[in-house]
Each structure stands twice: as structure tokens, then as C-alpha cells.
Protein backbone atom coordinates (compact mmCIF):
# COMPACT_ATOMS: atom_id res chain seq x y z
CA LYS A 1 -49.75 12.21 65.27
CA ASN A 2 -53.19 10.71 65.53
CA GLU A 3 -52.67 6.97 66.33
CA CYS A 4 -55.31 4.35 67.29
CA PRO A 5 -54.64 3.28 70.97
CA HIS A 6 -55.60 -0.52 70.02
CA CYS A 7 -53.78 -1.27 66.66
CA GLY A 8 -51.33 1.67 66.26
CA TYR A 9 -52.83 2.73 63.04
CA ALA A 10 -51.90 6.44 62.05
CA ALA A 11 -54.61 8.25 60.73
CA GLY A 12 -54.66 8.78 57.05
CA THR A 13 -52.08 6.09 56.43
CA PRO A 14 -53.59 3.52 53.66
CA GLN A 15 -53.76 -0.07 54.16
CA ALA A 16 -51.50 -2.03 51.82
CA ALA A 17 -53.34 -3.46 49.04
CA PRO A 18 -54.98 -6.19 48.94
CA ASN A 19 -55.76 -5.84 52.73
CA LEU A 20 -59.01 -4.77 53.89
CA PRO A 21 -59.29 -0.90 54.26
CA VAL A 22 -58.88 0.21 57.90
CA LYS A 23 -62.35 1.31 59.19
CA THR A 24 -64.28 -1.54 57.17
CA VAL A 25 -67.08 -2.84 59.29
CA LEU A 26 -67.45 -6.70 59.04
CA ALA A 27 -70.61 -8.69 60.20
CA ARG A 28 -72.11 -5.24 61.30
CA ARG A 29 -69.90 -5.68 64.39
CA TYR A 30 -65.91 -5.62 63.81
CA LEU A 31 -64.22 -2.43 62.91
CA VAL A 32 -61.13 -3.33 61.02
CA GLY A 33 -57.72 -1.88 61.94
CA LYS A 34 -54.15 -2.28 60.86
CA ALA A 35 -53.12 -5.56 59.26
CA PHE A 36 -50.27 -6.99 61.50
CA ASP A 37 -49.71 -10.53 60.10
CA ALA A 38 -49.90 -12.31 56.79
CA ASN A 39 -49.06 -15.40 55.18
CA GLY A 40 -50.03 -17.40 52.13
CA GLU A 41 -53.20 -18.31 53.71
CA GLY A 42 -54.55 -15.09 55.05
CA VAL A 43 -54.24 -11.89 57.01
CA THR A 44 -54.66 -10.90 60.43
CA TYR A 45 -55.87 -7.50 61.45
CA MET A 46 -56.39 -5.72 64.72
CA ALA A 47 -60.15 -5.01 65.11
CA LEU A 48 -62.56 -3.46 67.41
CA ASP A 49 -65.74 -5.30 68.58
CA LEU A 50 -68.26 -2.57 68.28
CA ILE A 51 -70.67 -4.26 70.85
CA THR A 52 -68.21 -4.96 73.53
CA ARG A 53 -65.81 -2.23 72.87
CA THR A 54 -62.93 -4.41 73.03
CA PRO A 55 -59.90 -5.17 70.84
CA VAL A 56 -59.90 -8.34 69.00
CA HIS A 57 -58.01 -10.22 66.40
CA LEU A 58 -59.67 -10.72 63.04
CA ARG A 59 -58.27 -13.43 60.68
CA GLU A 60 -59.30 -13.21 56.97
CA PHE A 61 -59.06 -16.21 54.67
CA PHE A 62 -57.06 -14.80 51.77
CA PRO A 63 -54.90 -17.54 50.26
CA ASP A 64 -52.89 -14.87 48.04
CA THR A 65 -52.07 -17.39 45.19
CA LEU A 66 -55.54 -18.22 44.50
CA VAL A 67 -57.48 -14.87 45.07
CA THR A 68 -57.57 -11.15 44.57
CA ARG A 69 -59.72 -8.37 46.00
CA ARG A 70 -61.80 -6.63 43.41
CA GLU A 71 -60.76 -2.84 43.09
CA LYS A 72 -62.84 -0.74 45.40
CA SER A 73 -64.81 -3.69 46.68
CA LEU A 74 -64.48 -5.88 49.85
CA ASP A 75 -65.29 -9.06 47.77
CA VAL A 76 -62.61 -11.62 47.23
CA SER A 77 -62.38 -12.86 43.76
CA VAL A 78 -61.22 -16.33 43.11
CA SER A 79 -59.09 -16.82 39.79
CA ALA A 80 -60.94 -18.83 37.27
CA ASP A 81 -58.69 -21.67 37.16
CA LYS A 82 -58.36 -21.93 41.03
CA GLU A 83 -61.99 -22.46 42.27
CA SER A 84 -61.25 -26.24 42.73
CA SER A 85 -58.35 -25.49 45.09
CA PHE A 86 -60.14 -22.46 46.89
CA SER A 87 -63.35 -24.19 48.07
CA PRO A 88 -61.85 -27.25 49.83
CA LEU A 89 -59.15 -24.86 51.38
CA LEU A 90 -62.02 -22.60 52.78
CA ARG A 91 -63.77 -25.59 54.11
CA SER A 92 -60.56 -26.79 55.78
CA PHE A 93 -59.93 -23.27 57.21
CA LEU A 94 -63.51 -23.23 58.68
CA GLU A 95 -63.38 -26.66 59.98
CA LEU A 96 -59.97 -26.03 61.85
CA TRP A 97 -61.26 -22.80 63.45
CA ARG A 98 -64.50 -24.62 64.45
CA ARG A 99 -62.65 -27.45 66.08
CA LEU A 100 -60.25 -24.86 67.94
CA ALA A 101 -63.27 -22.89 69.10
CA LYS A 102 -64.26 -26.10 71.09
CA MET A 103 -60.76 -26.34 72.72
CA ARG A 104 -60.86 -23.70 75.30
CA SER A 105 -59.08 -25.86 77.63
CA VAL A 106 -56.05 -25.32 75.69
CA VAL A 107 -54.89 -22.00 77.33
CA GLN A 108 -51.95 -21.52 74.79
CA THR A 109 -54.41 -21.09 71.97
CA PRO A 110 -56.65 -18.05 71.54
CA ASN A 111 -60.35 -18.03 72.42
CA VAL A 112 -62.38 -17.97 69.16
CA LEU A 113 -65.28 -15.52 69.52
CA ASN A 114 -66.89 -15.81 66.33
CA ILE A 115 -66.52 -17.30 62.69
CA PHE A 116 -68.42 -16.02 59.90
CA GLU A 117 -68.48 -15.82 56.08
CA GLU A 118 -68.63 -12.57 54.06
CA ASN A 119 -67.39 -11.06 50.88
CA GLY A 120 -66.79 -14.45 49.28
CA THR A 121 -64.35 -15.75 52.00
CA ALA A 122 -64.36 -16.46 55.75
CA TYR A 123 -63.33 -14.47 59.06
CA VAL A 124 -62.34 -15.59 62.36
CA VAL A 125 -62.32 -13.42 65.62
CA THR A 126 -60.33 -14.31 68.32
CA GLU A 127 -59.46 -12.55 71.65
CA HIS A 128 -56.83 -10.02 71.50
CA PHE A 129 -53.61 -10.99 73.31
CA GLU A 130 -50.15 -9.38 73.57
CA SER A 131 -47.36 -11.43 71.99
CA VAL A 132 -43.77 -11.00 71.01
CA THR A 133 -41.86 -12.95 68.52
CA LEU A 134 -38.99 -15.20 69.67
CA ARG A 135 -36.50 -13.03 67.89
CA ASP A 136 -37.71 -9.89 69.74
CA PHE A 137 -37.73 -11.72 73.07
CA LEU A 138 -34.07 -12.86 72.62
CA LEU A 139 -33.07 -9.11 71.50
CA ARG A 140 -34.41 -8.23 74.96
CA THR A 141 -32.41 -10.63 76.73
CA PRO A 142 -29.09 -9.29 78.12
CA THR A 143 -27.19 -12.27 76.71
CA GLY A 144 -29.16 -12.73 73.49
CA PHE A 145 -29.60 -16.44 74.14
CA LEU A 146 -31.61 -18.64 76.52
CA ASN A 147 -30.27 -21.28 78.85
CA TRP A 148 -31.93 -24.72 79.13
CA ASP A 149 -34.18 -23.86 82.17
CA GLN A 150 -35.49 -20.65 80.22
CA VAL A 151 -36.21 -22.61 77.12
CA ARG A 152 -37.95 -25.25 79.10
CA GLN A 153 -40.11 -22.65 80.86
CA LEU A 154 -41.15 -21.18 77.32
CA PHE A 155 -41.47 -24.51 75.33
CA MET A 156 -42.99 -26.91 77.54
CA PRO A 157 -46.47 -25.24 77.60
CA LEU A 158 -46.25 -24.94 73.94
CA LEU A 159 -45.20 -28.62 73.40
CA SER A 160 -48.06 -29.60 75.79
CA ALA A 161 -50.68 -27.52 73.80
CA LEU A 162 -49.48 -29.34 70.55
CA GLU A 163 -49.83 -32.55 72.27
CA GLN A 164 -53.48 -31.79 73.17
CA LEU A 165 -54.09 -30.38 69.61
CA HIS A 166 -52.69 -33.54 68.07
CA GLN A 167 -54.73 -35.71 70.34
CA ALA A 168 -57.79 -33.90 68.99
CA GLY A 169 -56.90 -34.44 65.46
CA ILE A 170 -55.52 -31.05 64.60
CA VAL A 171 -52.05 -31.03 63.21
CA HIS A 172 -50.40 -27.82 62.46
């Protein structure tokens, strides 16, 4: 099985619609890999920075209740009756990430490497980081739960980061 060492994409496996096709190049720099996270706001892909040859995360603004992707196109199409909602949300997405890009001192947030608009939407590129969900983390512990000292060690840095973000006016 021929698998990408960075994103785990198995050659020949189609990316689920409406996600960007694997091997799409954005901003003439980022090679899109496998989508690994999606919510109502957008989709996050593994990607390769073709200039630095390093893996990155690429977040596409794709509010799935407001937009679709045109068939055989990379363009995002806003539903006719949703344009008044899409534009402010797009501006808010860009503003949030621009503000996060300035907060490199908050080590618990990913470093923003690039923000750009293309295909009728916006994209954010952040450093690649390894992570595990809390659920998976708990499944790996012998007892399946954490004691208070373990919880404190995990969550105090998170709470500290949230405090710094809130002080900067960023509320999540």
C-alpha cells in the first residue's frame, strides 16, 4: 500500500466530497493532503509546503450550511440566500486568524504561517503538530481515567492560554 508519510493518504483513495481533492496546490505553494478534521466552520487538511518541504496544517473556511463546492472545481459557491451571512463570517474568520498570528507567545496555539484568499474562500496555514484527542489519551492510560495531579498538569497550560486569549479579546 503506497501511503503518504506525512498525512497517511493511501494512493488512489478519493477525498470525500466536498473536500479539496488530494494533490491540489493552493497559493502555488501548498500541496493538499488528506482531510483530518471538519466542523461546521471548515475543514483542516494535512498539507506539504512545497518551498520548505515541511508538513503543515491547512484550514479552509468552508461553512457547510452556507456553501458548496462547484463540481470539478476548487471554487466555493455561496448559496444565493446566504451571501449576507457568509461575508461577515469570512471577515470574522480572517480577523481571528490574523489576531492569532500575532500571539506567538501563547505556546499552546499553533503558529500561523500564512493566511490567504483563493477559490472564493480563505485559508490558514499553521505549523504541523502532533496531537491526540482526550478520549484517545484516556484509552491509552492503564486505568482509563486521570487523577487530579494529571488533570492539573494537562489543563493548567490550557487554562493559562485561554486567559491570554481572552485578555487579547479572543473568545472561543
